[in-house]
Amino acid sequence: MILYCDTSAIVKRYIEEEGTAKVDVLWDKAAEIATSAVAYAEGMAAFRRKRRERVLSRKGYTCAVTAFNEEYLSFVLIQISPQLNMIVQRLIEKYPLRGFDAIHLASALIIKESWTDVVFACFDKAINRAAKREGLKMVFEDTVSL
C-alpha cells in the first residue's frame, strides 16, 4: 500500500495529538509514504506554530523537526508540474478547496495513476469529501481539521 499523507496527517506523525495512533498504524503498514513537495514548508510552519502556541516544548519542537527532516528524505514526493497544475485547476473549479489542499489532492491523484493501492490520509472534511468523489481510498473521511 502507498499511503498518501497531506500535511495534517504528516504532522500527527511527529506531534502526539488526536489521530496520531491511527496515522502511526497506517504509516507502519505502508510500503511507501507519498506527499506533495509543498508538505515540507507546510510541516515546518505547523511545527513552528505549535511551538509558538506552546503545544510543543523547545525540546519537543527540535525532536519533531529532526525526525521530520530525516523521514522526509524517504518520501515519494510529487513536484509541482504542468500536469499537476491542470489537475489543480480542474479540482478548484469542481470543489471548494484552498490552494495547497488542491495541490495535495492533485498529487494523490497523480500517485493513483502509477500505483493501484493508494490510501489517502487527511484530517480535513472538505478535502476528504473531494477525494472520495475523485475515487481515492479513504481512511479518515469523516474527520475534520484538528
Protein backbone atom coordinates (compact mmCIF):
# COMPACT_ATOMS: atom_id res chain seq x y z
CA MET A 1 0.00 0.00 0.00
CA ILE A 2 1.10 3.55 -0.77
CA LEU A 3 -0.01 5.96 1.95
CA TYR A 4 -0.55 9.48 0.61
CA CYS A 5 -0.46 11.93 3.51
CA ASP A 6 -1.41 15.55 3.35
CA THR A 7 0.26 17.79 5.90
CA SER A 8 -2.46 17.31 8.53
CA ALA A 9 -1.64 13.59 8.60
CA ILE A 10 2.13 14.09 8.40
CA VAL A 11 2.20 16.43 11.41
CA LYS A 12 0.45 13.78 13.50
CA ARG A 13 3.43 11.50 12.87
CA TYR A 14 5.70 13.89 14.77
CA ILE A 15 3.38 15.55 17.29
CA GLU A 16 1.23 13.48 19.63
CA GLU A 17 -2.37 14.60 19.15
CA GLU A 18 -5.75 13.18 18.28
CA GLY A 19 -5.30 10.92 15.26
CA THR A 20 -1.60 10.15 15.85
CA ALA A 21 -2.20 6.47 16.70
CA LYS A 22 -4.24 5.96 13.52
CA VAL A 23 -1.59 7.59 11.37
CA ASP A 24 1.16 5.52 13.01
CA VAL A 25 -0.65 2.23 12.28
CA LEU A 26 -1.13 3.12 8.61
CA TRP A 27 2.39 4.51 8.30
CA ASP A 28 3.87 1.25 9.59
CA LYS A 29 1.78 -0.82 7.14
CA ALA A 30 2.68 1.30 4.10
CA ALA A 31 5.28 0.24 1.56
CA GLU A 32 5.84 3.93 0.71
CA ILE A 33 4.78 7.30 2.09
CA ALA A 34 3.87 9.84 -0.57
CA THR A 35 3.13 13.53 -0.33
CA SER A 36 3.46 16.78 -2.23
CA ALA A 37 6.74 18.66 -2.12
CA VAL A 38 4.78 21.57 -0.54
CA ALA A 39 4.31 19.44 2.60
CA TYR A 40 7.82 20.39 3.72
CA ALA A 41 7.01 24.10 4.05
CA GLU A 42 3.58 23.37 5.49
CA GLY A 43 5.01 20.89 8.01
CA MET A 44 7.77 23.20 9.16
CA ALA A 45 5.25 26.04 9.55
CA ALA A 46 2.92 23.76 11.55
CA PHE A 47 5.73 22.70 13.89
CA ARG A 48 6.73 26.33 14.44
CA ARG A 49 3.12 27.34 15.10
CA LYS A 50 2.80 24.52 17.66
CA ARG A 51 5.97 25.84 19.33
CA ARG A 52 4.68 29.45 19.35
CA GLU A 53 1.41 28.25 20.86
CA ARG A 54 3.41 26.28 23.46
CA VAL A 55 1.86 22.99 22.40
CA LEU A 56 5.47 21.88 21.89
CA SER A 57 8.34 22.48 24.27
CA ARG A 58 11.66 23.63 22.83
CA LYS A 59 12.90 20.03 23.02
CA GLY A 60 9.66 18.67 21.52
CA TYR A 61 9.96 21.13 18.63
CA THR A 62 13.58 20.14 17.96
CA CYS A 63 12.71 16.43 18.08
CA ALA A 64 9.74 16.86 15.72
CA VAL A 65 11.76 18.88 13.19
CA THR A 66 14.71 16.48 13.33
CA ALA A 67 12.54 13.39 12.85
CA PHE A 68 10.57 15.05 10.05
CA ASN A 69 13.76 16.08 8.23
CA GLU A 70 15.14 12.55 8.48
CA GLU A 71 11.98 10.82 7.20
CA TYR A 72 11.17 13.44 4.57
CA LEU A 73 14.12 12.23 2.51
CA SER A 74 12.45 8.83 2.09
CA PHE A 75 9.02 10.13 0.97
CA VAL A 76 7.80 9.78 -2.59
CA LEU A 77 7.48 13.48 -3.44
CA ILE A 78 5.15 14.84 -6.08
CA GLN A 79 6.55 18.02 -7.58
CA ILE A 80 4.60 20.94 -8.99
CA SER A 81 4.38 20.39 -12.73
CA PRO A 82 2.17 21.40 -15.67
CA GLN A 83 0.33 18.06 -15.31
CA LEU A 84 -0.32 18.70 -11.61
CA ASN A 85 -1.45 22.27 -12.32
CA MET A 86 -4.01 21.04 -14.84
CA ILE A 87 -5.46 18.71 -12.21
CA VAL A 88 -5.38 21.50 -9.60
CA GLN A 89 -7.36 23.77 -11.92
CA ARG A 90 -9.98 21.08 -12.50
CA LEU A 91 -10.28 20.35 -8.78
CA ILE A 92 -10.60 24.02 -7.79
CA GLU A 93 -13.32 24.54 -10.39
CA LYS A 94 -15.18 21.47 -9.10
CA TYR A 95 -14.72 21.67 -5.30
CA PRO A 96 -14.37 24.42 -2.65
CA LEU A 97 -10.67 23.78 -1.94
CA ARG A 98 -7.87 26.03 -0.76
CA GLY A 99 -4.75 26.16 -2.93
CA PHE A 100 -2.46 23.79 -1.02
CA ASP A 101 -5.38 21.44 -0.41
CA ALA A 102 -5.94 21.21 -4.15
CA ILE A 103 -2.21 20.56 -4.63
CA HIS A 104 -2.36 17.67 -2.15
CA LEU A 105 -5.44 16.15 -3.73
CA ALA A 106 -3.98 16.50 -7.24
CA SER A 107 -0.72 14.93 -6.02
CA ALA A 108 -2.62 11.96 -4.60
CA LEU A 109 -4.44 11.54 -7.91
CA ILE A 110 -1.11 11.52 -9.75
CA ILE A 111 0.17 8.80 -7.39
CA LYS A 112 -3.02 6.83 -8.02
CA GLU A 113 -2.20 6.81 -11.76
CA SER A 114 1.01 4.87 -11.05
CA TRP A 115 0.02 2.63 -8.14
CA THR A 116 -3.23 0.74 -7.69
CA ASP A 117 -3.24 0.51 -3.88
CA VAL A 118 -3.17 4.13 -2.72
CA VAL A 119 -4.73 5.20 0.58
CA PHE A 120 -5.40 8.90 1.21
CA ALA A 121 -4.78 10.17 4.76
CA CYS A 122 -6.09 13.62 5.60
CA PHE A 123 -7.83 15.22 8.56
CA ASP A 124 -9.88 17.83 6.69
CA LYS A 125 -13.53 17.14 5.87
CA ALA A 126 -13.68 19.25 2.68
CA ILE A 127 -10.60 17.64 1.14
CA ASN A 128 -11.80 14.19 2.17
CA ARG A 129 -15.19 14.75 0.52
CA ALA A 130 -13.50 15.79 -2.72
CA ALA A 131 -11.01 12.90 -2.50
CA LYS A 132 -13.83 10.41 -2.05
CA ARG A 133 -15.65 11.83 -5.08
CA GLU A 134 -12.40 11.52 -7.06
CA GLY A 135 -12.25 7.80 -6.24
CA LEU A 136 -9.44 7.76 -3.69
CA LYS A 137 -9.45 5.11 -0.97
CA MET A 138 -10.14 6.95 2.27
CA VAL A 139 -9.22 6.25 5.88
CA PHE A 140 -10.35 9.37 7.75
CA GLU A 141 -13.28 10.56 5.60
CA ASP A 142 -15.46 11.72 8.49
CA THR A 143 -12.83 13.74 10.31
CA VAL A 144 -12.40 17.48 10.49
CA SER A 145 -9.28 19.59 10.81
CA LEU A 146 -7.88 19.38 14.30
